[in-house]
Amino acid sequence: MKHNWKIIPLLLALLLTLTACGASGSSAYDSKSAASEPAAAEDAGYGYYDLAETEEAASQETADRGGGQTTGSYAQAQVKLIYTADLEMEVLDFDAAVDGLDQLIEELGGYCENSNFYNYGRSRSADYTVRVPSEHYRAFVDACSDWENCHLRSRSEDVENVGEAYFDTETRLATLRTKMERLQALLAQATEMEDIITIESAISETEYQIEQYTSDLNRYDSLIGYATIHLYLDEVLDLTEEEEIGLADRLGQNLRWGAERFLETLEDLLLWAAYNIIGIVIFLLLLAAVILAVRRARNRRKVKLPYRQTKQKPEQDGPKPEQSEQHTKE
């Protein structure tokens, strides 16, 4: 039998061609199945997704949209200032000062958040918590410092920049809202009851966090938009002088203030006594009755004690029977 060696190269070429076709078909099948696997897993239910991955994806999506910033952008955050001041003032005409303060607040577009008035008889005082727009903060403080018949006893101011905290809260809020959108989309696709309960729990927690951060932003907006001034008014007879005074003058001033305070305290005591006169009278009557009862009890004891002593003396002075018998025997 003759071997036909010319056929061998043809068989080898055919075998190589079939091997190449099989490899290409297998790779095409693998890519097709890999592409369809996520879709099949997504249709299978919520178990394919993870809440941590969802939150991470929401953060990345927020950054892609421009709601988030990269590291180093805190320095570029918008400056947001909160103004706070404490003013303590002496006034000669208390009523005029109160009217002037109310007029100034109205002119600058502010409002009085809290006020308390105190009347000590000879003098009056009041403390205010005033809110004015931040752009009028300096005008308000300067106007209070330049009032006539008033003396600014003390003033302290504070300016706080909350831009970084505001920016951070705003970014977190945007991320949570994006996360809420993704969770709601997953809830619409979920079919298993366990997945639905898990997603609804995550939605409830996210809503709570959104409310918290929204409240923080609203509080920041209120403090940034309106400055807060704590103002104390004290009615005095004479304004405190700016220049230094000698020791004798200071002693005289302190003695005068001490006398005024003593008179005010005495007046308050008399008013308190007049208000509680009935209770005071009843208390004094009861106290007098107790003292009288104690004295009577002591007098009775003093009367009984001498009588007992005189009654016992003969018994003590007389000789004992045994001793008398012994004397007679001797």
C-alpha atoms as a PDB file:
ATOM      1  CA  MET A   1       0.000   0.000   0.000  1.00  0.00           C
ATOM      2  CA  LYS A   2       1.380   3.298  -1.008  1.00  0.00           C
ATOM      3  CA  HIS A   3       1.271   6.193   1.448  1.00  0.00           C
ATOM      4  CA  ASN A   4      -0.017   9.459   0.017  1.00  0.00           C
ATOM      5  CA  TRP A   5       2.145  11.990   1.877  1.00  0.00           C
ATOM      6  CA  LYS A   6       0.610  14.881  -0.020  1.00  0.00           C
ATOM      7  CA  ILE A   7      -2.670  14.623   2.020  1.00  0.00           C
ATOM      8  CA  ILE A   8      -0.993  15.187   5.429  1.00  0.00           C
ATOM      9  CA  PRO A   9      -0.415  18.939   4.959  1.00  0.00           C
ATOM     10  CA  LEU A  10      -4.042  19.355   3.917  1.00  0.00           C
ATOM     11  CA  LEU A  11      -5.269  17.522   7.049  1.00  0.00           C
ATOM     12  CA  LEU A  12      -3.100  19.658   9.307  1.00  0.00           C
ATOM     13  CA  ALA A  13      -4.426  22.862   7.747  1.00  0.00           C
ATOM     14  CA  LEU A  14      -8.021  21.686   8.208  1.00  0.00           C
ATOM     15  CA  LEU A  15      -7.393  20.787  11.871  1.00  0.00           C
ATOM     16  CA  LEU A  16      -5.905  24.197  12.630  1.00  0.00           C
ATOM     17  CA  THR A  17      -8.884  25.932  11.009  1.00  0.00           C
ATOM     18  CA  LEU A  18     -11.422  23.968  13.109  1.00  0.00           C
ATOM     19  CA  THR A  19      -9.483  24.718  16.324  1.00  0.00           C
ATOM     20  CA  ALA A  20      -9.468  28.466  15.610  1.00  0.00           C
ATOM     21  CA  CYS A  21     -13.220  28.516  14.907  1.00  0.00           C
ATOM     22  CA  GLY A  22     -13.972  26.661  18.136  1.00  0.00           C
ATOM     23  CA  ALA A  23     -11.900  29.074  20.219  1.00  0.00           C
ATOM     24  CA  SER A  24     -13.583  32.128  18.717  1.00  0.00           C
ATOM     25  CA  GLY A  25     -17.037  30.637  19.263  1.00  0.00           C
ATOM     26  CA  SER A  26     -16.197  29.828  22.896  1.00  0.00           C
ATOM     27  CA  SER A  27     -14.938  33.373  23.613  1.00  0.00           C
ATOM     28  CA  ALA A  28     -18.028  34.871  22.000  1.00  0.00           C
ATOM     29  CA  TYR A  29     -20.232  32.687  24.157  1.00  0.00           C
ATOM     30  CA  ASP A  30     -18.344  33.617  27.340  1.00  0.00           C
ATOM     31  CA  SER A  31     -18.591  37.359  26.685  1.00  0.00           C
ATOM     32  CA  LYS A  32     -22.289  37.075  25.917  1.00  0.00           C
ATOM     33  CA  SER A  33     -23.018  35.127  29.090  1.00  0.00           C
ATOM     34  CA  ALA A  34     -20.910  37.489  31.205  1.00  0.00           C
ATOM     35  CA  ALA A  35     -22.806  40.465  29.838  1.00  0.00           C
ATOM     36  CA  SER A  36     -26.176  38.885  30.553  1.00  0.00           C
ATOM     37  CA  GLU A  37     -25.249  37.644  34.068  1.00  0.00           C
ATOM     38  CA  PRO A  38     -25.722  41.033  35.904  1.00  0.00           C
ATOM     39  CA  ALA A  39     -29.060  41.559  34.231  1.00  0.00           C
ATOM     40  CA  ALA A  40     -30.176  38.094  35.266  1.00  0.00           C
ATOM     41  CA  ALA A  41     -28.950  38.665  38.809  1.00  0.00           C
ATOM     42  CA  GLU A  42     -30.711  42.049  38.883  1.00  0.00           C
ATOM     43  CA  ASP A  43     -33.961  40.434  37.791  1.00  0.00           C
ATOM     44  CA  ALA A  44     -33.513  37.710  40.398  1.00  0.00           C
ATOM     45  CA  GLY A  45     -34.098  40.177  43.291  1.00  0.00           C
ATOM     46  CA  TYR A  46     -32.461  42.656  45.751  1.00  0.00           C
ATOM     47  CA  GLY A  47     -29.957  40.117  47.041  1.00  0.00           C
ATOM     48  CA  TYR A  48     -27.587  40.955  44.186  1.00  0.00           C
ATOM     49  CA  TYR A  49     -27.092  44.507  45.535  1.00  0.00           C
ATOM     50  CA  ASP A  50     -25.381  45.630  48.729  1.00  0.00           C
ATOM     51  CA  LEU A  51     -26.338  48.707  50.784  1.00  0.00           C
ATOM     52  CA  ALA A  52     -22.691  49.645  51.315  1.00  0.00           C
ATOM     53  CA  GLU A  53     -22.081  49.480  47.575  1.00  0.00           C
ATOM     54  CA  THR A  54     -25.248  51.510  47.016  1.00  0.00           C
ATOM     55  CA  GLU A  55     -24.074  54.241  49.398  1.00  0.00           C
ATOM     56  CA  GLU A  56     -20.604  54.264  47.838  1.00  0.00           C
ATOM     57  CA  ALA A  57     -22.127  54.500  44.385  1.00  0.00           C
ATOM     58  CA  ALA A  58     -24.370  57.351  45.564  1.00  0.00           C
ATOM     59  CA  SER A  59     -21.341  59.248  46.890  1.00  0.00           C
ATOM     60  CA  GLN A  60     -19.503  58.752  43.594  1.00  0.00           C
ATOM     61  CA  GLU A  61     -22.571  59.805  41.617  1.00  0.00           C
ATOM     62  CA  THR A  62     -22.929  62.947  43.770  1.00  0.00           C
ATOM     63  CA  ALA A  63     -19.278  63.800  43.133  1.00  0.00           C
ATOM     64  CA  ASP A  64     -19.743  63.231  39.405  1.00  0.00           C
ATOM     65  CA  ARG A  65     -22.754  65.554  39.382  1.00  0.00           C
ATOM     66  CA  GLY A  66     -20.738  68.295  41.041  1.00  0.00           C
ATOM     67  CA  GLY A  67     -22.439  68.082  44.449  1.00  0.00           C
ATOM     68  CA  GLY A  68     -19.246  66.812  46.064  1.00  0.00           C
ATOM     69  CA  GLN A  69     -15.723  68.161  46.058  1.00  0.00           C
ATOM     70  CA  THR A  70     -12.328  66.522  46.180  1.00  0.00           C
ATOM     71  CA  THR A  71      -9.770  66.864  48.938  1.00  0.00           C
ATOM     72  CA  GLY A  72      -8.511  70.405  49.337  1.00  0.00           C
ATOM     73  CA  SER A  73     -11.749  72.063  48.309  1.00  0.00           C
ATOM     74  CA  TYR A  74     -12.554  72.911  51.943  1.00  0.00           C
ATOM     75  CA  ALA A  75     -10.169  75.825  51.649  1.00  0.00           C
ATOM     76  CA  GLN A  76     -12.208  77.068  48.682  1.00  0.00           C
ATOM     77  CA  ALA A  77     -15.553  76.777  50.494  1.00  0.00           C
ATOM     78  CA  GLN A  78     -17.598  79.930  50.712  1.00  0.00           C
ATOM     79  CA  VAL A  79     -17.025  81.930  53.914  1.00  0.00           C
ATOM     80  CA  LYS A  80     -20.103  81.917  56.152  1.00  0.00           C
ATOM     81  CA  LEU A  81     -19.892  84.094  59.254  1.00  0.00           C
ATOM     82  CA  ILE A  82     -21.985  84.089  62.432  1.00  0.00           C
ATOM     83  CA  TYR A  83     -21.935  87.403  64.349  1.00  0.00           C
ATOM     84  CA  THR A  84     -22.599  87.544  68.108  1.00  0.00           C
ATOM     85  CA  ALA A  85     -22.230  90.488  70.514  1.00  0.00           C
ATOM     86  CA  ASP A  86     -22.840  91.255  74.207  1.00  0.00           C
ATOM     87  CA  LEU A  87     -23.487  94.885  75.167  1.00  0.00           C
ATOM     88  CA  GLU A  88     -23.914  96.254  78.697  1.00  0.00           C
ATOM     89  CA  MET A  89     -25.121  99.856  78.930  1.00  0.00           C
ATOM     90  CA  GLU A  90     -25.935 102.458  81.557  1.00  0.00           C
ATOM     91  CA  VAL A  91     -28.868 104.799  80.818  1.00  0.00           C
ATOM     92  CA  LEU A  92     -30.199 107.900  82.525  1.00  0.00           C
ATOM     93  CA  ASP A  93     -33.650 107.874  80.907  1.00  0.00           C
ATOM     94  CA  PHE A  94     -34.784 104.255  80.887  1.00  0.00           C
ATOM     95  CA  ASP A  95     -38.053 104.810  78.992  1.00  0.00           C
ATOM     96  CA  ALA A  96     -36.343 106.829  76.252  1.00  0.00           C
ATOM     97  CA  ALA A  97     -33.668 104.141  75.870  1.00  0.00           C
ATOM     98  CA  VAL A  98     -36.281 101.398  75.491  1.00  0.00           C
ATOM     99  CA  ASP A  99     -38.198 103.399  72.876  1.00  0.00           C
ATOM    100  CA  GLY A 100     -34.999 104.194  70.986  1.00  0.00           C
ATOM    101  CA  LEU A 101     -33.994 100.537  70.972  1.00  0.00           C
ATOM    102  CA  ASP A 102     -37.359  99.429  69.610  1.00  0.00           C
ATOM    103  CA  GLN A 103     -37.169 102.070  66.872  1.00  0.00           C
ATOM    104  CA  LEU A 104     -33.620 101.056  65.919  1.00  0.00           C
ATOM    105  CA  ILE A 105     -34.574  97.380  65.662  1.00  0.00           C
ATOM    106  CA  GLU A 106     -37.501  98.230  63.412  1.00  0.00           C
ATOM    107  CA  GLU A 107     -35.432 100.509  61.158  1.00  0.00           C
ATOM    108  CA  LEU A 108     -32.770  97.843  60.591  1.00  0.00           C
ATOM    109  CA  GLY A 109     -35.302  95.110  59.813  1.00  0.00           C
ATOM    110  CA  GLY A 110     -34.609  93.025  62.920  1.00  0.00           C
ATOM    111  CA  TYR A 111     -36.743  91.659  65.702  1.00  0.00           C
ATOM    112  CA  CYS A 112     -36.589  91.123  69.455  1.00  0.00           C
ATOM    113  CA  GLU A 113     -36.286  87.419  70.200  1.00  0.00           C
ATOM    114  CA  ASN A 114     -36.496  87.741  73.982  1.00  0.00           C
ATOM    115  CA  SER A 115     -36.801  90.519  76.589  1.00  0.00           C
ATOM    116  CA  ASN A 116     -36.996  90.734  80.385  1.00  0.00           C
ATOM    117  CA  PHE A 117     -37.715  93.800  82.548  1.00  0.00           C
ATOM    118  CA  TYR A 118     -36.827  94.264  86.233  1.00  0.00           C
ATOM    119  CA  ASN A 119     -38.045  96.988  88.607  1.00  0.00           C
ATOM    120  CA  TYR A 120     -36.099  97.514  91.837  1.00  0.00           C
ATOM    121  CA  GLY A 121     -38.048 100.556  93.011  1.00  0.00           C
ATOM    122  CA  ARG A 122     -35.373 103.201  92.650  1.00  0.00           C
ATOM    123  CA  SER A 123     -33.882 101.752  89.439  1.00  0.00           C
ATOM    124  CA  ARG A 124     -34.937  99.552  86.547  1.00  0.00           C
ATOM    125  CA  SER A 125     -33.116  97.244  84.177  1.00  0.00           C
ATOM    126  CA  ALA A 126     -33.821  95.097  81.130  1.00  0.00           C
ATOM    127  CA  ASP A 127     -32.061  92.512  79.016  1.00  0.00           C
ATOM    128  CA  TYR A 128     -32.766  91.828  75.353  1.00  0.00           C
ATOM    129  CA  THR A 129     -31.881  89.197  72.800  1.00  0.00           C
ATOM    130  CA  VAL A 130     -32.019  91.020  69.456  1.00  0.00           C
ATOM    131  CA  ARG A 131     -31.699  89.550  65.945  1.00  0.00           C
ATOM    132  CA  VAL A 132     -30.780  91.860  63.078  1.00  0.00           C
ATOM    133  CA  PRO A 133     -29.729  91.060  59.490  1.00  0.00           C
ATOM    134  CA  SER A 134     -26.021  90.345  59.314  1.00  0.00           C
ATOM    135  CA  GLU A 135     -25.420  93.188  56.871  1.00  0.00           C
ATOM    136  CA  HIS A 136     -26.775  95.634  59.515  1.00  0.00           C
ATOM    137  CA  TYR A 137     -24.865  94.139  62.444  1.00  0.00           C
ATOM    138  CA  ARG A 138     -22.144  96.782  62.520  1.00  0.00           C
ATOM    139  CA  ALA A 139     -24.668  99.608  62.133  1.00  0.00           C
ATOM    140  CA  PHE A 140     -26.648  98.323  65.124  1.00  0.00           C
ATOM    141  CA  VAL A 141     -23.606  97.992  67.402  1.00  0.00           C
ATOM    142  CA  ASP A 142     -22.286 101.429  66.441  1.00  0.00           C
ATOM    143  CA  ALA A 143     -25.700 103.038  66.962  1.00  0.00           C
ATOM    144  CA  CYS A 144     -25.988 101.554  70.454  1.00  0.00           C
ATOM    145  CA  SER A 145     -22.520 102.810  71.313  1.00  0.00           C
ATOM    146  CA  ASP A 146     -23.384 106.392  70.260  1.00  0.00           C
ATOM    147  CA  TRP A 147     -26.688 106.830  72.123  1.00  0.00           C
ATOM    148  CA  GLU A 148     -27.109 110.061  74.037  1.00  0.00           C
ATOM    149  CA  ASN A 149     -27.506 109.899  77.823  1.00  0.00           C
ATOM    150  CA  CYS A 150     -26.074 106.365  77.660  1.00  0.00           C
ATOM    151  CA  HIS A 151     -22.745 104.849  78.575  1.00  0.00           C
ATOM    152  CA  LEU A 152     -21.398 101.635  77.076  1.00  0.00           C
ATOM    153  CA  ARG A 153     -20.065  99.810  80.100  1.00  0.00           C
ATOM    154  CA  SER A 154     -18.777  96.731  78.273  1.00  0.00           C
ATOM    155  CA  ARG A 155     -18.847  95.209  74.796  1.00  0.00           C
ATOM    156  CA  SER A 156     -17.706  91.798  73.548  1.00  0.00           C
ATOM    157  CA  GLU A 157     -18.006  90.563  69.971  1.00  0.00           C
ATOM    158  CA  ASP A 158     -17.474  87.170  68.374  1.00  0.00           C
ATOM    159  CA  VAL A 159     -17.311  86.172  64.689  1.00  0.00           C
ATOM    160  CA  GLU A 160     -17.354  82.479  63.799  1.00  0.00           C
ATOM    161  CA  ASN A 161     -16.701  81.076  60.331  1.00  0.00           C
ATOM    162  CA  VAL A 162     -18.847  77.949  59.779  1.00  0.00           C
ATOM    163  CA  GLY A 163     -18.187  77.665  56.046  1.00  0.00           C
ATOM    164  CA  GLU A 164     -16.394  74.328  56.351  1.00  0.00           C
ATOM    165  CA  ALA A 165     -19.090  72.762  58.542  1.00  0.00           C
ATOM    166  CA  TYR A 166     -21.813  74.173  56.293  1.00  0.00           C
ATOM    167  CA  PHE A 167     -20.112  72.807  53.181  1.00  0.00           C
ATOM    168  CA  ASP A 168     -19.653  69.377  54.768  1.00  0.00           C
ATOM    169  CA  THR A 169     -23.308  69.211  55.836  1.00  0.00           C
ATOM    170  CA  GLU A 170     -24.470  70.287  52.390  1.00  0.00           C
ATOM    171  CA  THR A 171     -22.335  67.589  50.723  1.00  0.00           C
ATOM    172  CA  ARG A 172     -23.609  64.858  53.040  1.00  0.00           C
ATOM    173  CA  LEU A 173     -27.173  65.935  52.397  1.00  0.00           C
ATOM    174  CA  ALA A 174     -26.673  65.739  48.613  1.00  0.00           C
ATOM    175  CA  THR A 175     -25.170  62.252  48.967  1.00  0.00           C
ATOM    176  CA  LEU A 176     -28.101  61.075  51.085  1.00  0.00           C
ATOM    177  CA  ARG A 177     -30.605  62.369  48.555  1.00  0.00           C
ATOM    178  CA  THR A 178     -28.813  60.503  45.766  1.00  0.00           C
ATOM    179  CA  LYS A 179     -28.793  57.392  47.931  1.00  0.00           C
ATOM    180  CA  MET A 180     -32.538  57.808  48.493  1.00  0.00           C
ATOM    181  CA  GLU A 181     -33.135  57.880  44.733  1.00  0.00           C
ATOM    182  CA  ARG A 182     -31.171  54.659  44.252  1.00  0.00           C
ATOM    183  CA  LEU A 183     -32.960  52.925  47.125  1.00  0.00           C
ATOM    184  CA  GLN A 184     -36.341  53.873  45.729  1.00  0.00           C
ATOM    185  CA  ALA A 185     -35.296  52.492  42.344  1.00  0.00           C
ATOM    186  CA  LEU A 186     -34.197  49.228  43.994  1.00  0.00           C
ATOM    187  CA  LEU A 187     -37.473  49.041  45.912  1.00  0.00           C
ATOM    188  CA  ALA A 188     -39.397  49.258  42.660  1.00  0.00           C
ATOM    189  CA  GLN A 189     -37.404  46.284  41.270  1.00  0.00           C
ATOM    190  CA  ALA A 190     -37.489  44.096  44.413  1.00  0.00           C
ATOM    191  CA  THR A 191     -39.806  41.066  44.392  1.00  0.00           C
ATOM    192  CA  GLU A 192     -38.848  39.124  47.539  1.00  0.00           C
ATOM    193  CA  MET A 193     -40.499  40.189  50.823  1.00  0.00           C
ATOM    194  CA  GLU A 194     -37.193  40.012  52.712  1.00  0.00           C
ATOM    195  CA  ASP A 195     -35.553  42.336  50.188  1.00  0.00           C
ATOM    196  CA  ILE A 196     -38.486  44.767  50.372  1.00  0.00           C
ATOM    197  CA  ILE A 197     -38.275  44.943  54.184  1.00  0.00           C
ATOM    198  CA  THR A 198     -34.512  45.525  54.072  1.00  0.00           C
ATOM    199  CA  ILE A 199     -34.801  48.304  51.489  1.00  0.00           C
ATOM    200  CA  GLU A 200     -37.667  50.019  53.355  1.00  0.00           C
ATOM    201  CA  SER A 201     -35.596  49.969  56.577  1.00  0.00           C
ATOM    202  CA  ALA A 202     -32.685  51.578  54.725  1.00  0.00           C
ATOM    203  CA  ILE A 203     -35.039  54.179  53.241  1.00  0.00           C
ATOM    204  CA  SER A 204     -36.416  55.024  56.708  1.00  0.00           C
ATOM    205  CA  GLU A 205     -32.919  55.510  58.144  1.00  0.00           C
ATOM    206  CA  THR A 206     -31.888  57.623  55.172  1.00  0.00           C
ATOM    207  CA  GLU A 207     -34.972  59.844  55.552  1.00  0.00           C
ATOM    208  CA  TYR A 208     -34.108  60.402  59.223  1.00  0.00           C
ATOM    209  CA  GLN A 209     -30.550  61.430  58.319  1.00  0.00           C
ATOM    210  CA  ILE A 210     -31.835  63.748  55.594  1.00  0.00           C
ATOM    211  CA  GLU A 211     -34.130  65.464  58.115  1.00  0.00           C
ATOM    212  CA  GLN A 212     -31.246  65.897  60.552  1.00  0.00           C
ATOM    213  CA  TYR A 213     -28.893  67.448  58.013  1.00  0.00           C
ATOM    214  CA  THR A 214     -31.703  69.630  56.643  1.00  0.00           C
ATOM    215  CA  SER A 215     -32.378  70.908  60.169  1.00  0.00           C
ATOM    216  CA  ASP A 216     -28.674  71.659  60.630  1.00  0.00           C
ATOM    217  CA  LEU A 217     -28.577  73.635  57.389  1.00  0.00           C
ATOM    218  CA  ASN A 218     -31.688  75.605  58.377  1.00  0.00           C
ATOM    219  CA  ARG A 219     -30.109  76.437  61.739  1.00  0.00           C
ATOM    220  CA  TYR A 220     -26.910  77.566  60.041  1.00  0.00           C
ATOM    221  CA  ASP A 221     -28.906  79.710  57.601  1.00  0.00           C
ATOM    222  CA  SER A 222     -30.742  81.359  60.497  1.00  0.00           C
ATOM    223  CA  LEU A 223     -27.548  82.160  62.410  1.00  0.00           C
ATOM    224  CA  ILE A 224     -25.703  83.318  59.298  1.00  0.00           C
ATOM    225  CA  GLY A 225     -28.524  85.480  57.985  1.00  0.00           C
ATOM    226  CA  TYR A 226     -29.275  87.219  61.318  1.00  0.00           C
ATOM    227  CA  ALA A 227     -26.711  88.370  63.881  1.00  0.00           C
ATOM    228  CA  THR A 228     -27.457  87.850  67.586  1.00  0.00           C
ATOM    229  CA  ILE A 229     -26.967  90.703  70.085  1.00  0.00           C
ATOM    230  CA  HIS A 230     -27.462  90.311  73.843  1.00  0.00           C
ATOM    231  CA  LEU A 231     -28.165  93.773  75.243  1.00  0.00           C
ATOM    232  CA  TYR A 232     -28.419  94.751  78.928  1.00  0.00           C
ATOM    233  CA  LEU A 233     -29.786  98.158  80.028  1.00  0.00           C
ATOM    234  CA  ASP A 234     -29.241  99.427  83.580  1.00  0.00           C
ATOM    235  CA  GLU A 235     -30.869 102.640  84.829  1.00  0.00           C
ATOM    236  CA  VAL A 236     -28.497 104.752  86.944  1.00  0.00           C
ATOM    237  CA  LEU A 237     -28.517 108.187  88.507  1.00  0.00           C
ATOM    238  CA  ASP A 238     -25.087 109.163  87.154  1.00  0.00           C
ATOM    239  CA  LEU A 239     -23.154 107.686  84.260  1.00  0.00           C
ATOM    240  CA  THR A 240     -19.801 106.132  85.006  1.00  0.00           C
ATOM    241  CA  GLU A 241     -16.989 108.475  84.044  1.00  0.00           C
ATOM    242  CA  GLU A 242     -14.317 107.273  81.682  1.00  0.00           C
ATOM    243  CA  GLU A 243     -11.392 109.021  83.350  1.00  0.00           C
ATOM    244  CA  GLU A 244      -9.686 107.601  86.372  1.00  0.00           C
ATOM    245  CA  ILE A 245     -10.953 108.801  89.752  1.00  0.00           C
ATOM    246  CA  GLY A 246      -9.095 108.960  93.025  1.00  0.00           C
ATOM    247  CA  LEU A 247      -9.426 106.676  96.002  1.00  0.00           C
ATOM    248  CA  ALA A 248     -11.529 109.164  97.974  1.00  0.00           C
ATOM    249  CA  ASP A 249     -13.954 109.592  95.093  1.00  0.00           C
ATOM    250  CA  ARG A 250     -14.253 105.839  94.628  1.00  0.00           C
ATOM    251  CA  LEU A 251     -14.874 105.344  98.338  1.00  0.00           C
ATOM    252  CA  GLY A 252     -17.566 108.011  98.299  1.00  0.00           C
ATOM    253  CA  GLN A 253     -19.163 106.478  95.215  1.00  0.00           C
ATOM    254  CA  ASN A 254     -19.165 103.007  96.760  1.00  0.00           C
ATOM    255  CA  LEU A 255     -20.642 104.352 100.000  1.00  0.00           C
ATOM    256  CA  ARG A 256     -23.380 106.054  98.043  1.00  0.00           C
ATOM    257  CA  TRP A 257     -24.120 102.914  96.068  1.00  0.00           C
ATOM    258  CA  GLY A 258     -24.102 100.881  99.290  1.00  0.00           C
ATOM    259  CA  ALA A 259     -26.569 103.282 100.913  1.00  0.00           C
ATOM    260  CA  GLU A 260     -28.831 103.101  97.877  1.00  0.00           C
ATOM    261  CA  ARG A 261     -28.764  99.318  97.899  1.00  0.00           C
ATOM    262  CA  PHE A 262     -29.471  99.278 101.642  1.00  0.00           C
ATOM    263  CA  LEU A 263     -32.500 101.524 101.197  1.00  0.00           C
ATOM    264  CA  GLU A 264     -33.737  99.375  98.339  1.00  0.00           C
ATOM    265  CA  THR A 265     -33.298  96.232 100.458  1.00  0.00           C
ATOM    266  CA  LEU A 266     -35.143  97.860 103.359  1.00  0.00           C
ATOM    267  CA  GLU A 267     -37.997  98.869 101.086  1.00  0.00           C
ATOM    268  CA  ASP A 268     -38.211  95.343  99.710  1.00  0.00           C
ATOM    269  CA  LEU A 269     -38.243  93.964 103.258  1.00  0.00           C
ATOM    270  CA  LEU A 270     -41.078  96.287 104.287  1.00  0.00           C
ATOM    271  CA  LEU A 271     -43.057  95.329 101.203  1.00  0.00           C
ATOM    272  CA  TRP A 272     -42.493  91.655 101.957  1.00  0.00           C
ATOM    273  CA  ALA A 273     -43.616  92.135 105.565  1.00  0.00           C
ATOM    274  CA  ALA A 274     -46.762  93.956 104.446  1.00  0.00           C
ATOM    275  CA  TYR A 275     -47.556  91.151 102.025  1.00  0.00           C
ATOM    276  CA  ASN A 276     -47.037  88.442 104.687  1.00  0.00           C
ATOM    277  CA  ILE A 277     -48.388  90.341 107.734  1.00  0.00           C
ATOM    278  CA  ILE A 278     -51.038  87.737 108.571  1.00  0.00           C
ATOM    279  CA  GLY A 279     -48.597  84.865 108.569  1.00  0.00           C
ATOM    280  CA  ILE A 280     -46.098  86.869 110.629  1.00  0.00           C
ATOM    281  CA  VAL A 281     -48.732  87.695 113.309  1.00  0.00           C
ATOM    282  CA  ILE A 282     -49.833  84.066 113.573  1.00  0.00           C
ATOM    283  CA  PHE A 283     -46.226  82.930 113.866  1.00  0.00           C
ATOM    284  CA  LEU A 284     -45.507  85.481 116.634  1.00  0.00           C
ATOM    285  CA  LEU A 285     -48.615  84.421 118.575  1.00  0.00           C
ATOM    286  CA  LEU A 286     -47.636  80.774 118.397  1.00  0.00           C
ATOM    287  CA  LEU A 287     -44.083  81.630 119.445  1.00  0.00           C
ATOM    288  CA  ALA A 288     -45.370  83.645 122.432  1.00  0.00           C
ATOM    289  CA  ALA A 289     -47.649  80.779 123.478  1.00  0.00           C
ATOM    290  CA  VAL A 290     -44.756  78.296 123.364  1.00  0.00           C
ATOM    291  CA  ILE A 291     -42.489  80.602 125.405  1.00  0.00           C
ATOM    292  CA  LEU A 292     -45.235  81.172 127.997  1.00  0.00           C
ATOM    293  CA  ALA A 293     -45.884  77.432 128.336  1.00  0.00           C
ATOM    294  CA  VAL A 294     -42.177  76.743 128.856  1.00  0.00           C
ATOM    295  CA  ARG A 295     -41.908  79.401 131.561  1.00  0.00           C
ATOM    296  CA  ARG A 296     -44.921  78.057 133.452  1.00  0.00           C
ATOM    297  CA  ALA A 297     -43.487  74.557 133.361  1.00  0.00           C
ATOM    298  CA  ARG A 298     -40.192  75.814 134.809  1.00  0.00           C
ATOM    299  CA  ASN A 299     -41.974  77.745 137.623  1.00  0.00           C
ATOM    300  CA  ARG A 300     -43.917  74.659 138.657  1.00  0.00           C
ATOM    301  CA  ARG A 301     -40.742  72.634 138.921  1.00  0.00           C
ATOM    302  CA  LYS A 302     -39.114  75.322 141.104  1.00  0.00           C
ATOM    303  CA  VAL A 303     -42.113  75.327 143.503  1.00  0.00           C
ATOM    304  CA  LYS A 304     -42.193  71.529 143.920  1.00  0.00           C
ATOM    305  CA  LEU A 305     -38.454  71.149 144.490  1.00  0.00           C
ATOM    306  CA  PRO A 306     -38.191  73.094 147.893  1.00  0.00           C
ATOM    307  CA  TYR A 307     -41.233  71.263 149.261  1.00  0.00           C
ATOM    308  CA  ARG A 308     -39.607  67.887 148.651  1.00  0.00           C
ATOM    309  CA  GLN A 309     -36.344  68.998 150.238  1.00  0.00           C
ATOM    310  CA  THR A 310     -38.022  70.205 153.498  1.00  0.00           C
ATOM    311  CA  LYS A 311     -39.978  66.989 153.739  1.00  0.00           C
ATOM    312  CA  GLN A 312     -36.858  64.832 153.494  1.00  0.00           C
ATOM    313  CA  LYS A 313     -34.687  66.796 156.050  1.00  0.00           C
ATOM    314  CA  PRO A 314     -36.013  65.203 159.371  1.00  0.00           C
ATOM    315  CA  GLU A 315     -35.398  61.755 158.070  1.00  0.00           C
ATOM    316  CA  GLN A 316     -31.848  62.649 157.236  1.00  0.00           C
ATOM    317  CA  ASP A 317     -31.069  64.426 160.581  1.00  0.00           C
ATOM    318  CA  GLY A 318     -32.612  61.822 162.989  1.00  0.00           C
ATOM    319  CA  PRO A 319     -30.416  58.971 164.339  1.00  0.00           C
ATOM    320  CA  LYS A 320     -30.849  55.544 162.911  1.00  0.00           C
ATOM    321  CA  PRO A 321     -32.443  52.900 165.212  1.00  0.00           C
ATOM    322  CA  GLU A 322     -29.442  50.576 165.117  1.00  0.00           C
ATOM    323  CA  GLN A 323     -27.074  53.320 166.200  1.00  0.00           C
ATOM    324  CA  SER A 324     -29.273  54.261 169.226  1.00  0.00           C
ATOM    325  CA  GLU A 325     -29.406  50.679 170.418  1.00  0.00           C
ATOM    326  CA  GLN A 326     -25.635  50.352 170.263  1.00  0.00           C
ATOM    327  CA  HIS A 327     -25.236  53.501 172.426  1.00  0.00           C
ATOM    328  CA  THR A 328     -27.559  52.184 175.132  1.00  0.00           C
ATOM    329  CA  LYS A 329     -25.709  48.860 175.374  1.00  0.00           C
ATOM    330  CA  GLU A 330     -22.458  50.612 175.942  1.00  0.00           C
END
